[in-house]
Amino acid sequence: MKQTKRLGMVALRKALLAMTILGASVSAFGTTQVGLACPQKFIATVINIEDVQAGAFPKVEVDFQVIQTLKGDQILSKKIQIVKDGPVQFKSGEIYTVESRENWLCSATLFSKI
């Protein structure tokens, strides 16, 4: 009986450790680069957020009005689609420093709240 209880505790600890490691790596994907070069970096205001009805996961399309381009081609605005309930929750009116590759988000850091 004690041996069964001990084996159960060992399995539970291993499962918790695996979930902790997996959870940390999953949350990191929303704010860090995932092996891709991100040629575009800019500071921008979120001007609109719309639901996108496509694919297996609910997405939103975030419209940015660029304040300053830090890296890459000069642009005035940018649209990026992201997972709706992902690690980055954009809000209209807030200002972010954004790194992207085409229409893919590499990272976003809140620059200023509304």
PDB file of N, CA and C in Angstrom:
ATOM      1  N   MET A   1       0.820  -1.200   0.000  1.00  0.00           N
ATOM      2  CA  MET A   1       0.000   0.000   0.000  1.00  0.00           C
ATOM      3  C   MET A   1       0.860   1.258   0.000  1.00  0.00           C
ATOM      4  N   LYS A   2       1.898   1.293   0.879  1.00  0.00           N
ATOM      5  CA  LYS A   2       2.781   2.454   0.927  1.00  0.00           C
ATOM      6  C   LYS A   2       3.519   2.631  -0.397  1.00  0.00           C
ATOM      7  N   GLN A   3       3.934   1.505  -1.000  1.00  0.00           N
ATOM      8  CA  GLN A   3       4.670   1.565  -2.274  1.00  0.00           C
ATOM      9  C   GLN A   3       3.781   2.166  -3.360  1.00  0.00           C
ATOM     10  N   THR A   4       2.510   1.792  -3.421  1.00  0.00           N
ATOM     11  CA  THR A   4       1.587   2.323  -4.417  1.00  0.00           C
ATOM     12  C   THR A   4       1.384   3.817  -4.215  1.00  0.00           C
ATOM     13  N   LYS A   5       1.233   4.223  -2.973  1.00  0.00           N
ATOM     14  CA  LYS A   5       1.044   5.629  -2.644  1.00  0.00           C
ATOM     15  C   LYS A   5       2.289   6.438  -3.051  1.00  0.00           C
ATOM     16  N   ARG A   6       3.471   5.897  -2.772  1.00  0.00           N
ATOM     17  CA  ARG A   6       4.725   6.573  -3.101  1.00  0.00           C
ATOM     18  C   ARG A   6       4.879   6.708  -4.623  1.00  0.00           C
ATOM     19  N   LEU A   7       4.571   5.648  -5.383  1.00  0.00           N
ATOM     20  CA  LEU A   7       4.657   5.704  -6.839  1.00  0.00           C
ATOM     21  C   LEU A   7       3.680   6.731  -7.406  1.00  0.00           C
ATOM     22  N   GLY A   8       2.501   6.817  -6.793  1.00  0.00           N
ATOM     23  CA  GLY A   8       1.522   7.814  -7.228  1.00  0.00           C
ATOM     24  C   GLY A   8       2.027   9.227  -7.010  1.00  0.00           C
ATOM     25  N   MET A   9       2.685   9.485  -5.899  1.00  0.00           N
ATOM     26  CA  MET A   9       3.234  10.804  -5.604  1.00  0.00           C
ATOM     27  C   MET A   9       4.369  11.153  -6.570  1.00  0.00           C
ATOM     28  N   VAL A  10       5.201  10.168  -6.894  1.00  0.00           N
ATOM     29  CA  VAL A  10       6.297  10.407  -7.841  1.00  0.00           C
ATOM     30  C   VAL A  10       5.720  10.763  -9.205  1.00  0.00           C
ATOM     31  N   ALA A  11       4.714  10.042  -9.644  1.00  0.00           N
ATOM     32  CA  ALA A  11       4.079  10.318 -10.935  1.00  0.00           C
ATOM     33  C   ALA A  11       3.433  11.706 -10.924  1.00  0.00           C
ATOM     34  N   LEU A  12       2.796  12.052  -9.833  1.00  0.00           N
ATOM     35  CA  LEU A  12       2.168  13.365  -9.723  1.00  0.00           C
ATOM     36  C   LEU A  12       3.217  14.477  -9.800  1.00  0.00           C
ATOM     37  N   ARG A  13       4.326  14.320  -9.107  1.00  0.00           N
ATOM     38  CA  ARG A  13       5.387  15.331  -9.132  1.00  0.00           C
ATOM     39  C   ARG A  13       5.952  15.492 -10.543  1.00  0.00           C
ATOM     40  N   LYS A  14       6.156  14.368 -11.231  1.00  0.00           N
ATOM     41  CA  LYS A  14       6.676  14.439 -12.600  1.00  0.00           C
ATOM     42  C   LYS A  14       5.683  15.137 -13.521  1.00  0.00           C
ATOM     43  N   ALA A  15       4.411  14.846 -13.354  1.00  0.00           N
ATOM     44  CA  ALA A  15       3.380  15.486 -14.186  1.00  0.00           C
ATOM     45  C   ALA A  15       3.325  16.986 -13.925  1.00  0.00           C
ATOM     46  N   LEU A  16       3.406  17.387 -12.662  1.00  0.00           N
ATOM     47  CA  LEU A  16       3.403  18.812 -12.324  1.00  0.00           C
ATOM     48  C   LEU A  16       4.633  19.518 -12.875  1.00  0.00           C
ATOM     49  N   LEU A  17       5.789  18.865 -12.809  1.00  0.00           N
ATOM     50  CA  LEU A  17       7.012  19.443 -13.358  1.00  0.00           C
ATOM     51  C   LEU A  17       6.887  19.621 -14.866  1.00  0.00           C
ATOM     52  N   ALA A  18       6.356  18.621 -15.549  1.00  0.00           N
ATOM     53  CA  ALA A  18       6.182  18.699 -17.003  1.00  0.00           C
ATOM     54  C   ALA A  18       5.213  19.818 -17.378  1.00  0.00           C
ATOM     55  N   MET A  19       4.117  19.962 -16.625  1.00  0.00           N
ATOM     56  CA  MET A  19       3.154  21.021 -16.923  1.00  0.00           C
ATOM     57  C   MET A  19       3.766  22.397 -16.672  1.00  0.00           C
ATOM     58  N   THR A  20       4.586  22.517 -15.638  1.00  0.00           N
ATOM     59  CA  THR A  20       5.239  23.785 -15.345  1.00  0.00           C
ATOM     60  C   THR A  20       6.185  24.174 -16.473  1.00  0.00           C
ATOM     61  N   ILE A  21       6.988  23.221 -16.924  1.00  0.00           N
ATOM     62  CA  ILE A  21       7.934  23.494 -18.014  1.00  0.00           C
ATOM     63  C   ILE A  21       7.174  23.810 -19.292  1.00  0.00           C
ATOM     64  N   LEU A  22       6.171  23.019 -19.621  1.00  0.00           N
ATOM     65  CA  LEU A  22       5.380  23.242 -20.829  1.00  0.00           C
ATOM     66  C   LEU A  22       4.654  24.571 -20.758  1.00  0.00           C
ATOM     67  N   GLY A  23       4.069  24.891 -19.627  1.00  0.00           N
ATOM     68  CA  GLY A  23       3.352  26.156 -19.472  1.00  0.00           C
ATOM     69  C   GLY A  23       4.274  27.342 -19.643  1.00  0.00           C
ATOM     70  N   ALA A  24       5.487  27.269 -19.124  1.00  0.00           N
ATOM     71  CA  ALA A  24       6.437  28.370 -19.259  1.00  0.00           C
ATOM     72  C   ALA A  24       6.842  28.549 -20.713  1.00  0.00           C
ATOM     73  N   SER A  25       7.046  27.436 -21.424  1.00  0.00           N
ATOM     74  CA  SER A  25       7.463  27.577 -22.812  1.00  0.00           C
ATOM     75  C   SER A  25       6.318  28.040 -23.691  1.00  0.00           C
ATOM     76  N   VAL A  26       5.083  27.631 -23.408  1.00  0.00           N
ATOM     77  CA  VAL A  26       3.940  28.076 -24.200  1.00  0.00           C
ATOM     78  C   VAL A  26       3.703  29.563 -24.007  1.00  0.00           C
ATOM     79  N   SER A  27       3.768  30.054 -22.788  1.00  0.00           N
ATOM     80  CA  SER A  27       3.535  31.471 -22.557  1.00  0.00           C
ATOM     81  C   SER A  27       4.649  32.315 -23.159  1.00  0.00           C
ATOM     82  N   ALA A  28       5.834  31.771 -23.301  1.00  0.00           N
ATOM     83  CA  ALA A  28       6.939  32.531 -23.877  1.00  0.00           C
ATOM     84  C   ALA A  28       6.744  32.780 -25.364  1.00  0.00           C
ATOM     85  N   PHE A  29       5.985  31.933 -26.049  1.00  0.00           N
ATOM     86  CA  PHE A  29       5.808  32.093 -27.487  1.00  0.00           C
ATOM     87  C   PHE A  29       5.095  33.393 -27.832  1.00  0.00           C
ATOM     88  N   GLY A  30       4.288  33.927 -26.985  1.00  0.00           N
ATOM     89  CA  GLY A  30       3.558  35.147 -27.305  1.00  0.00           C
ATOM     90  C   GLY A  30       4.394  36.400 -27.238  1.00  0.00           C
ATOM     91  N   THR A  31       5.509  36.335 -26.564  1.00  0.00           N
ATOM     92  CA  THR A  31       6.279  37.562 -26.387  1.00  0.00           C
ATOM     93  C   THR A  31       7.732  37.446 -26.829  1.00  0.00           C
ATOM     94  N   THR A  32       8.126  36.317 -27.383  1.00  0.00           N
ATOM     95  CA  THR A  32       9.498  36.185 -27.834  1.00  0.00           C
ATOM     96  C   THR A  32       9.543  35.657 -29.249  1.00  0.00           C
ATOM     97  N   GLN A  33      10.705  35.754 -29.850  1.00  0.00           N
ATOM     98  CA  GLN A  33      10.884  35.234 -31.188  1.00  0.00           C
ATOM     99  C   GLN A  33      10.990  33.726 -31.132  1.00  0.00           C
ATOM    100  N   VAL A  34      10.423  33.070 -32.137  1.00  0.00           N
ATOM    101  CA  VAL A  34      10.426  31.615 -32.177  1.00  0.00           C
ATOM    102  C   VAL A  34      11.262  31.179 -33.379  1.00  0.00           C
ATOM    103  N   GLY A  35      12.540  31.439 -33.352  1.00  0.00           N
ATOM    104  CA  GLY A  35      13.432  30.992 -34.395  1.00  0.00           C
ATOM    105  C   GLY A  35      13.279  31.732 -35.719  1.00  0.00           C
ATOM    106  N   LEU A  36      12.544  32.805 -35.763  1.00  0.00           N
ATOM    107  CA  LEU A  36      12.370  33.572 -36.990  1.00  0.00           C
ATOM    108  C   LEU A  36      13.022  34.932 -36.846  1.00  0.00           C
ATOM    109  N   ALA A  37      13.600  35.393 -37.938  1.00  0.00           N
ATOM    110  CA  ALA A  37      14.082  36.771 -37.949  1.00  0.00           C
ATOM    111  C   ALA A  37      12.867  37.673 -38.088  1.00  0.00           C
ATOM    112  N   CYS A  38      12.834  38.726 -37.349  1.00  0.00           N
ATOM    113  CA  CYS A  38      11.709  39.656 -37.393  1.00  0.00           C
ATOM    114  C   CYS A  38      12.216  40.975 -37.965  1.00  0.00           C
ATOM    115  N   PRO A  39      12.022  41.174 -39.269  1.00  0.00           N
ATOM    116  CA  PRO A  39      12.623  42.323 -39.940  1.00  0.00           C
ATOM    117  C   PRO A  39      11.934  43.660 -39.689  1.00  0.00           C
ATOM    118  N   GLN A  40      10.784  43.637 -39.044  1.00  0.00           N
ATOM    119  CA  GLN A  40      10.045  44.879 -38.850  1.00  0.00           C
ATOM    120  C   GLN A  40       9.838  45.140 -37.359  1.00  0.00           C
ATOM    121  N   LYS A  41      10.123  46.376 -36.943  1.00  0.00           N
ATOM    122  CA  LYS A  41       9.899  46.784 -35.556  1.00  0.00           C
ATOM    123  C   LYS A  41       9.392  48.215 -35.573  1.00  0.00           C
ATOM    124  N   PHE A  42       8.332  48.457 -34.804  1.00  0.00           N
ATOM    125  CA  PHE A  42       7.734  49.787 -34.805  1.00  0.00           C
ATOM    126  C   PHE A  42       7.004  50.052 -33.504  1.00  0.00           C
ATOM    127  N   ILE A  43       6.743  51.325 -33.238  1.00  0.00           N
ATOM    128  CA  ILE A  43       5.917  51.751 -32.115  1.00  0.00           C
ATOM    129  C   ILE A  43       4.596  52.184 -32.723  1.00  0.00           C
ATOM    130  N   ALA A  44       3.483  51.665 -32.189  1.00  0.00           N
ATOM    131  CA  ALA A  44       2.190  51.942 -32.813  1.00  0.00           C
ATOM    132  C   ALA A  44       1.065  51.939 -31.796  1.00  0.00           C
ATOM    133  N   THR A  45      -0.008  52.628 -32.176  1.00  0.00           N
ATOM    134  CA  THR A  45      -1.232  52.671 -31.387  1.00  0.00           C
ATOM    135  C   THR A  45      -2.226  51.672 -31.965  1.00  0.00           C
ATOM    136  N   VAL A  46      -2.886  50.920 -31.097  1.00  0.00           N
ATOM    137  CA  VAL A  46      -3.952  50.016 -31.543  1.00  0.00           C
ATOM    138  C   VAL A  46      -5.172  50.875 -31.855  1.00  0.00           C
ATOM    139  N   ILE A  47      -5.641  50.803 -33.111  1.00  0.00           N
ATOM    140  CA  ILE A  47      -6.791  51.632 -33.483  1.00  0.00           C
ATOM    141  C   ILE A  47      -8.069  50.822 -33.647  1.00  0.00           C
ATOM    142  N   ASN A  48      -7.946  49.510 -33.870  1.00  0.00           N
ATOM    143  CA  ASN A  48      -9.144  48.689 -34.040  1.00  0.00           C
ATOM    144  C   ASN A  48      -8.801  47.224 -33.803  1.00  0.00           C
ATOM    145  N   ILE A  49      -9.748  46.483 -33.246  1.00  0.00           N
ATOM    146  CA  ILE A  49      -9.605  45.041 -33.041  1.00  0.00           C
ATOM    147  C   ILE A  49     -10.898  44.397 -33.526  1.00  0.00           C
ATOM    148  N   GLU A  50     -10.787  43.441 -34.468  1.00  0.00           N
ATOM    149  CA  GLU A  50     -11.959  42.766 -35.015  1.00  0.00           C
ATOM    150  C   GLU A  50     -11.804  41.259 -34.913  1.00  0.00           C
ATOM    151  N   ASP A  51     -12.910  40.559 -34.631  1.00  0.00           N
ATOM    152  CA  ASP A  51     -12.912  39.103 -34.640  1.00  0.00           C
ATOM    153  C   ASP A  51     -12.778  38.609 -36.072  1.00  0.00           C
ATOM    154  N   VAL A  52     -12.028  37.516 -36.247  1.00  0.00           N
ATOM    155  CA  VAL A  52     -11.863  36.884 -37.551  1.00  0.00           C
ATOM    156  C   VAL A  52     -12.479  35.497 -37.461  1.00  0.00           C
ATOM    157  N   GLN A  53     -13.402  35.202 -38.345  1.00  0.00           N
ATOM    158  CA  GLN A  53     -14.100  33.909 -38.344  1.00  0.00           C
ATOM    159  C   GLN A  53     -13.459  32.982 -39.368  1.00  0.00           C
ATOM    160  N   ALA A  54     -12.318  32.420 -39.033  1.00  0.00           N
ATOM    161  CA  ALA A  54     -11.639  31.500 -39.944  1.00  0.00           C
ATOM    162  C   ALA A  54     -10.735  30.572 -39.154  1.00  0.00           C
ATOM    163  N   GLY A  55     -10.629  29.330 -39.615  1.00  0.00           N
ATOM    164  CA  GLY A  55      -9.710  28.379 -39.008  1.00  0.00           C
ATOM    165  C   GLY A  55     -10.251  27.726 -37.748  1.00  0.00           C
ATOM    166  N   ALA A  56      -9.408  26.907 -37.165  1.00  0.00           N
ATOM    167  CA  ALA A  56      -9.790  26.135 -35.986  1.00  0.00           C
ATOM    168  C   ALA A  56      -9.794  26.955 -34.706  1.00  0.00           C
ATOM    169  N   PHE A  57      -8.941  27.984 -34.651  1.00  0.00           N
ATOM    170  CA  PHE A  57      -8.840  28.796 -33.445  1.00  0.00           C
ATOM    171  C   PHE A  57      -9.437  30.175 -33.696  1.00  0.00           C
ATOM    172  N   PRO A  58     -10.184  30.716 -32.729  1.00  0.00           N
ATOM    173  CA  PRO A  58     -10.691  32.078 -32.889  1.00  0.00           C
ATOM    174  C   PRO A  58      -9.526  33.063 -32.925  1.00  0.00           C
ATOM    175  N   LYS A  59      -9.591  33.993 -33.869  1.00  0.00           N
ATOM    176  CA  LYS A  59      -8.530  34.984 -34.016  1.00  0.00           C
ATOM    177  C   LYS A  59      -9.114  36.381 -33.985  1.00  0.00           C
ATOM    178  N   VAL A  60      -8.229  37.341 -33.785  1.00  0.00           N
ATOM    179  CA  VAL A  60      -8.585  38.743 -33.927  1.00  0.00           C
ATOM    180  C   VAL A  60      -7.582  39.384 -34.872  1.00  0.00           C
ATOM    181  N   GLU A  61      -8.048  40.398 -35.578  1.00  0.00           N
ATOM    182  CA  GLU A  61      -7.163  41.187 -36.423  1.00  0.00           C
ATOM    183  C   GLU A  61      -6.962  42.524 -35.733  1.00  0.00           C
ATOM    184  N   VAL A  62      -5.717  42.855 -35.468  1.00  0.00           N
ATOM    185  CA  VAL A  62      -5.377  44.080 -34.761  1.00  0.00           C
ATOM    186  C   VAL A  62      -4.832  45.085 -35.775  1.00  0.00           C
ATOM    187  N   ASP A  63      -5.460  46.266 -35.832  1.00  0.00           N
ATOM    188  CA  ASP A  63      -5.008  47.343 -36.710  1.00  0.00           C
ATOM    189  C   ASP A  63      -4.167  48.319 -35.898  1.00  0.00           C
ATOM    190  N   PHE A  64      -2.962  48.584 -36.381  1.00  0.00           N
ATOM    191  CA  PHE A  64      -2.048  49.514 -35.730  1.00  0.00           C
ATOM    192  C   PHE A  64      -1.859  50.751 -36.589  1.00  0.00           C
ATOM    193  N   GLN A  65      -1.776  51.898 -35.950  1.00  0.00           N
ATOM    194  CA  GLN A  65      -1.351  53.129 -36.613  1.00  0.00           C
ATOM    195  C   GLN A  65       0.073  53.373 -36.129  1.00  0.00           C
ATOM    196  N   VAL A  66       1.019  53.328 -37.060  1.00  0.00           N
ATOM    197  CA  VAL A  66       2.433  53.395 -36.708  1.00  0.00           C
ATOM    198  C   VAL A  66       2.822  54.831 -36.351  1.00  0.00           C
ATOM    199  N   ILE A  67       3.459  54.965 -35.211  1.00  0.00           N
ATOM    200  CA  ILE A  67       3.975  56.256 -34.745  1.00  0.00           C
ATOM    201  C   ILE A  67       5.412  56.433 -35.224  1.00  0.00           C
ATOM    202  N   GLN A  68       6.215  55.372 -35.072  1.00  0.00           N
ATOM    203  CA  GLN A  68       7.615  55.431 -35.465  1.00  0.00           C
ATOM    204  C   GLN A  68       8.093  54.050 -35.886  1.00  0.00           C
ATOM    205  N   THR A  69       8.764  53.983 -37.027  1.00  0.00           N
ATOM    206  CA  THR A  69       9.373  52.736 -37.480  1.00  0.00           C
ATOM    207  C   THR A  69      10.779  52.665 -36.914  1.00  0.00           C
ATOM    208  N   LEU A  70      11.091  51.555 -36.239  1.00  0.00           N
ATOM    209  CA  LEU A  70      12.399  51.382 -35.620  1.00  0.00           C
ATOM    210  C   LEU A  70      13.322  50.512 -36.468  1.00  0.00           C
ATOM    211  N   LYS A  71      12.713  49.590 -37.262  1.00  0.00           N
ATOM    212  CA  LYS A  71      13.491  48.683 -38.090  1.00  0.00           C
ATOM    213  C   LYS A  71      12.627  48.248 -39.265  1.00  0.00           C
ATOM    214  N   GLY A  72      13.205  48.182 -40.444  1.00  0.00           N
ATOM    215  CA  GLY A  72      12.472  47.736 -41.625  1.00  0.00           C
ATOM    216  C   GLY A  72      11.925  48.893 -42.435  1.00  0.00           C
ATOM    217  N   ASP A  73      11.034  48.550 -43.378  1.00  0.00           N
ATOM    218  CA  ASP A  73      10.441  49.555 -44.260  1.00  0.00           C
ATOM    219  C   ASP A  73       9.556  50.517 -43.482  1.00  0.00           C
ATOM    220  N   GLN A  74       9.543  51.766 -43.911  1.00  0.00           N
ATOM    221  CA  GLN A  74       8.672  52.774 -43.307  1.00  0.00           C
ATOM    222  C   GLN A  74       7.218  52.432 -43.660  1.00  0.00           C
ATOM    223  N   ILE A  75       6.360  52.356 -42.673  1.00  0.00           N
ATOM    224  CA  ILE A  75       4.944  52.061 -42.889  1.00  0.00           C
ATOM    225  C   ILE A  75       4.096  53.023 -42.071  1.00  0.00           C
ATOM    226  N   LEU A  76       2.871  53.220 -42.511  1.00  0.00           N
ATOM    227  CA  LEU A  76       1.946  54.084 -41.783  1.00  0.00           C
ATOM    228  C   LEU A  76       0.985  53.286 -40.913  1.00  0.00           C
ATOM    229  N   SER A  77       0.682  52.059 -41.353  1.00  0.00           N
ATOM    230  CA  SER A  77      -0.235  51.215 -40.591  1.00  0.00           C
ATOM    231  C   SER A  77       0.129  49.751 -40.816  1.00  0.00           C
ATOM    232  N   LYS A  78      -0.405  48.899 -39.948  1.00  0.00           N
ATOM    233  CA  LYS A  78      -0.102  47.470 -40.027  1.00  0.00           C
ATOM    234  C   LYS A  78      -1.268  46.692 -39.455  1.00  0.00           C
ATOM    235  N   LYS A  79      -1.632  45.563 -40.104  1.00  0.00           N
ATOM    236  CA  LYS A  79      -2.654  44.650 -39.594  1.00  0.00           C
ATOM    237  C   LYS A  79      -1.990  43.317 -39.294  1.00  0.00           C
ATOM    238  N   ILE A  80      -2.281  42.804 -38.109  1.00  0.00           N
ATOM    239  CA  ILE A  80      -1.721  41.525 -37.682  1.00  0.00           C
ATOM    240  C   ILE A  80      -2.849  40.676 -37.107  1.00  0.00           C
ATOM    241  N   GLN A  81      -2.895  39.394 -37.479  1.00  0.00           N
ATOM    242  CA  GLN A  81      -3.858  38.463 -36.894  1.00  0.00           C
ATOM    243  C   GLN A  81      -3.169  37.653 -35.810  1.00  0.00           C
ATOM    244  N   ILE A  82      -3.859  37.517 -34.675  1.00  0.00           N
ATOM    245  CA  ILE A  82      -3.328  36.727 -33.563  1.00  0.00           C
ATOM    246  C   ILE A  82      -4.458  35.878 -32.984  1.00  0.00           C
ATOM    247  N   VAL A  83      -4.101  34.875 -32.194  1.00  0.00           N
ATOM    248  CA  VAL A  83      -5.086  34.053 -31.503  1.00  0.00           C
ATOM    249  C   VAL A  83      -5.836  34.930 -30.515  1.00  0.00           C
ATOM    250  N   LYS A  84      -7.157  34.785 -30.495  1.00  0.00           N
ATOM    251  CA  LYS A  84      -8.012  35.679 -29.709  1.00  0.00           C
ATOM    252  C   LYS A  84      -7.665  35.717 -28.226  1.00  0.00           C
ATOM    253  N   ASP A  85      -7.508  34.582 -27.595  1.00  0.00           N
ATOM    254  CA  ASP A  85      -7.230  34.552 -26.156  1.00  0.00           C
ATOM    255  C   ASP A  85      -5.785  34.163 -25.888  1.00  0.00           C
ATOM    256  N   GLY A  86      -4.890  34.669 -26.715  1.00  0.00           N
ATOM    257  CA  GLY A  86      -3.470  34.357 -26.571  1.00  0.00           C
ATOM    258  C   GLY A  86      -2.825  35.142 -25.442  1.00  0.00           C
ATOM    259  N   PRO A  87      -1.512  35.042 -25.339  1.00  0.00           N
ATOM    260  CA  PRO A  87      -0.811  35.680 -24.232  1.00  0.00           C
ATOM    261  C   PRO A  87      -0.774  37.209 -24.296  1.00  0.00           C
ATOM    262  N   VAL A  88      -0.989  37.790 -25.484  1.00  0.00           N
ATOM    263  CA  VAL A  88      -1.005  39.247 -25.612  1.00  0.00           C
ATOM    264  C   VAL A  88      -2.444  39.685 -25.848  1.00  0.00           C
ATOM    265  N   GLN A  89      -2.961  40.523 -24.969  1.00  0.00           N
ATOM    266  CA  GLN A  89      -4.327  41.036 -25.075  1.00  0.00           C
ATOM    267  C   GLN A  89      -4.268  42.524 -25.409  1.00  0.00           C
ATOM    268  N   PHE A  90      -4.370  42.852 -26.696  1.00  0.00           N
ATOM    269  CA  PHE A  90      -4.316  44.247 -27.127  1.00  0.00           C
ATOM    270  C   PHE A  90      -5.609  44.960 -26.773  1.00  0.00           C
ATOM    271  N   LYS A  91      -5.498  46.272 -26.522  1.00  0.00           N
ATOM    272  CA  LYS A  91      -6.665  47.115 -26.249  1.00  0.00           C
ATOM    273  C   LYS A  91      -6.561  48.368 -27.104  1.00  0.00           C
ATOM    274  N   SER A  92      -7.681  48.787 -27.674  1.00  0.00           N
ATOM    275  CA  SER A  92      -7.709  49.997 -28.499  1.00  0.00           C
ATOM    276  C   SER A  92      -7.217  51.189 -27.691  1.00  0.00           C
ATOM    277  N   GLY A  93      -6.379  52.004 -28.331  1.00  0.00           N
ATOM    278  CA  GLY A  93      -5.851  53.201 -27.690  1.00  0.00           C
ATOM    279  C   GLY A  93      -4.508  53.009 -27.019  1.00  0.00           C
ATOM    280  N   GLU A  94      -4.137  51.774 -26.717  1.00  0.00           N
ATOM    281  CA  GLU A  94      -2.845  51.535 -26.081  1.00  0.00           C
ATOM    282  C   GLU A  94      -1.736  51.556 -27.128  1.00  0.00           C
ATOM    283  N   ILE A  95      -0.525  51.876 -26.674  1.00  0.00           N
ATOM    284  CA  ILE A  95       0.631  51.971 -27.556  1.00  0.00           C
ATOM    285  C   ILE A  95       1.586  50.822 -27.237  1.00  0.00           C
ATOM    286  N   TYR A  96       2.064  50.156 -28.296  1.00  0.00           N
ATOM    287  CA  TYR A  96       2.946  48.996 -28.162  1.00  0.00           C
ATOM    288  C   TYR A  96       4.190  49.162 -29.017  1.00  0.00           C
ATOM    289  N   THR A  97       5.267  48.544 -28.578  1.00  0.00           N
ATOM    290  CA  THR A  97       6.420  48.317 -29.433  1.00  0.00           C
ATOM    291  C   THR A  97       6.215  46.923 -29.999  1.00  0.00           C
ATOM    292  N   VAL A  98       6.181  46.819 -31.332  1.00  0.00           N
ATOM    293  CA  VAL A  98       5.812  45.570 -31.995  1.00  0.00           C
ATOM    294  C   VAL A  98       6.929  45.135 -32.931  1.00  0.00           C
ATOM    295  N   GLU A  99       7.237  43.844 -32.900  1.00  0.00           N
ATOM    296  CA  GLU A  99       8.128  43.239 -33.882  1.00  0.00           C
ATOM    297  C   GLU A  99       7.306  42.245 -34.686  1.00  0.00           C
ATOM    298  N   SER A 100       7.485  42.275 -36.007  1.00  0.00           N
ATOM    299  CA  SER A 100       6.684  41.388 -36.848  1.00  0.00           C
ATOM    300  C   SER A 100       7.461  40.912 -38.056  1.00  0.00           C
ATOM    301  N   ARG A 101       6.937  39.869 -38.651  1.00  0.00           N
ATOM    302  CA  ARG A 101       7.413  39.339 -39.928  1.00  0.00           C
ATOM    303  C   ARG A 101       6.180  39.169 -40.777  1.00  0.00           C
ATOM    304  N   GLU A 102       6.061  39.990 -41.807  1.00  0.00           N
ATOM    305  CA  GLU A 102       4.873  40.041 -42.658  1.00  0.00           C
ATOM    306  C   GLU A 102       3.661  40.310 -41.765  1.00  0.00           C
ATOM    307  N   ASN A 103       2.698  39.392 -41.717  1.00  0.00           N
ATOM    308  CA  ASN A 103       1.509  39.591 -40.872  1.00  0.00           C
ATOM    309  C   ASN A 103       1.566  38.775 -39.584  1.00  0.00           C
ATOM    310  N   TRP A 104       2.745  38.312 -39.208  1.00  0.00           N
ATOM    311  CA  TRP A 104       2.918  37.483 -38.012  1.00  0.00           C
ATOM    312  C   TRP A 104       3.551  38.294 -36.898  1.00  0.00           C
ATOM    313  N   LEU A 105       3.022  38.143 -35.711  1.00  0.00           N
ATOM    314  CA  LEU A 105       3.542  38.825 -34.537  1.00  0.00           C
ATOM    315  C   LEU A 105       4.726  38.053 -33.969  1.00  0.00           C
ATOM    316  N   CYS A 106       5.854  38.725 -33.798  1.00  0.00           N
ATOM    317  CA  CYS A 106       7.013  38.112 -33.136  1.00  0.00           C
ATOM    318  C   CYS A 106       6.992  38.471 -31.651  1.00  0.00           C
ATOM    319  N   SER A 107       6.787  39.761 -31.365  1.00  0.00           N
ATOM    320  CA  SER A 107       6.718  40.183 -29.970  1.00  0.00           C
ATOM    321  C   SER A 107       5.973  41.505 -29.888  1.00  0.00           C
ATOM    322  N   ALA A 108       5.423  41.754 -28.724  1.00  0.00           N
ATOM    323  CA  ALA A 108       4.725  43.023 -28.466  1.00  0.00           C
ATOM    324  C   ALA A 108       4.942  43.378 -27.005  1.00  0.00           C
ATOM    325  N   THR A 109       5.339  44.635 -26.789  1.00  0.00           N
ATOM    326  CA  THR A 109       5.563  45.117 -25.443  1.00  0.00           C
ATOM    327  C   THR A 109       4.728  46.378 -25.242  1.00  0.00           C
ATOM    328  N   LEU A 110       3.956  46.383 -24.179  1.00  0.00           N
ATOM    329  CA  LEU A 110       3.130  47.550 -23.883  1.00  0.00           C
ATOM    330  C   LEU A 110       4.034  48.749 -23.625  1.00  0.00           C
ATOM    331  N   PHE A 111       3.821  49.806 -24.378  1.00  0.00           N
ATOM    332  CA  PHE A 111       4.627  51.031 -24.276  1.00  0.00           C
ATOM    333  C   PHE A 111       3.910  52.058 -23.405  1.00  0.00           C
ATOM    334  N   SER A 112       2.562  52.163 -23.604  1.00  0.00           N
ATOM    335  CA  SER A 112       1.790  53.134 -22.841  1.00  0.00           C
ATOM    336  C   SER A 112       0.325  52.719 -22.789  1.00  0.00           C
ATOM    337  N   LYS A 113      -0.254  52.744 -21.592  1.00  0.00           N
ATOM    338  CA  LYS A 113      -1.677  52.452 -21.433  1.00  0.00           C
ATOM    339  C   LYS A 113      -2.510  53.691 -21.736  1.00  0.00           C
ATOM    340  N   ILE A 114      -3.806  53.464 -21.953  1.00  0.00           N
ATOM    341  CA  ILE A 114      -4.710  54.600 -22.199  1.00  0.00           C
ATOM    342  C   ILE A 114      -5.124  55.217 -20.893  1.00  0.00           C
TER     343      ILE A 114
END
